[in-house]
């Protein structure tokens, strides 16, 4: 393990992680840290991580060797924005799940995208409320059995990337844990942009989704790739991946400071 590239970013004394066997959170963690390494970051001193409540919120805290904040459920984005406004020189990154961002904290997500807030948000979409017992979430696919939909979900899942793009974010993209390289490159691209950057990573819960399908995790990951289709290619797939928005408009933080200086007469 000493030779692994990610060791310099991690609190190795806390490993192995508490994630379930086969959980995609480890893939997301590796993709993010690999992106930072390729961008030349030797440590995480320029970063602050903010997360809410849920399995993926454990990715930065306690495992990253960095400053981080655990917030109330659904409130990661407003806390992160307050932090970015106070310390604009820092890279503020939100890592949270679909329950945090697409359900309980949806209003914060939409308005952060509308403001084009200068944040990088990684949403790990496990398609369910995994930590609380496997209840239906806004991202649960039609037909999936959950503890609150024992005969199958009848509601259409939320297309979070499309909503974020429509709200005005500079960058919005979706990948799956079966698309490691594309995810890594997307994170690198987002790190180089200003404004609101949102990346969704589809990572079905192994304990509540994959187990009920009675499939090995490796088989399901291969199926994720097979079921994915790039946006705007004209094909059909169960999971649309790719970039939904790629703009370069002024971010919220610079507008706030311009306003402050104008009021002060600077």
Foldseek 3Di string as FASTA:
>chain_A
DVPDLCPQFWPCVCPPDPADPLFLLVLVLVLLSVLVVVVPDSYQAQEEEEEEDADSSCSCPPITPYHYYYDYQQCRLVVQLVVCLVPVSGAYEYEYECRNDVPSNVVSLLVQLLQLAFHEYEYEYQQARPPPAFHGDLQHDFFFAGPPRNRTHHDHHDPVQLSSVVSHHQWGWEEESLPSVVSSVLSNVSVPAGGYYYYYYYTHRCVHGVVVVVDDSVVVSVVRVVQEDEPPPPDHGPHYGDIPHHHHDDHNSVVVVVVVCVVVVD
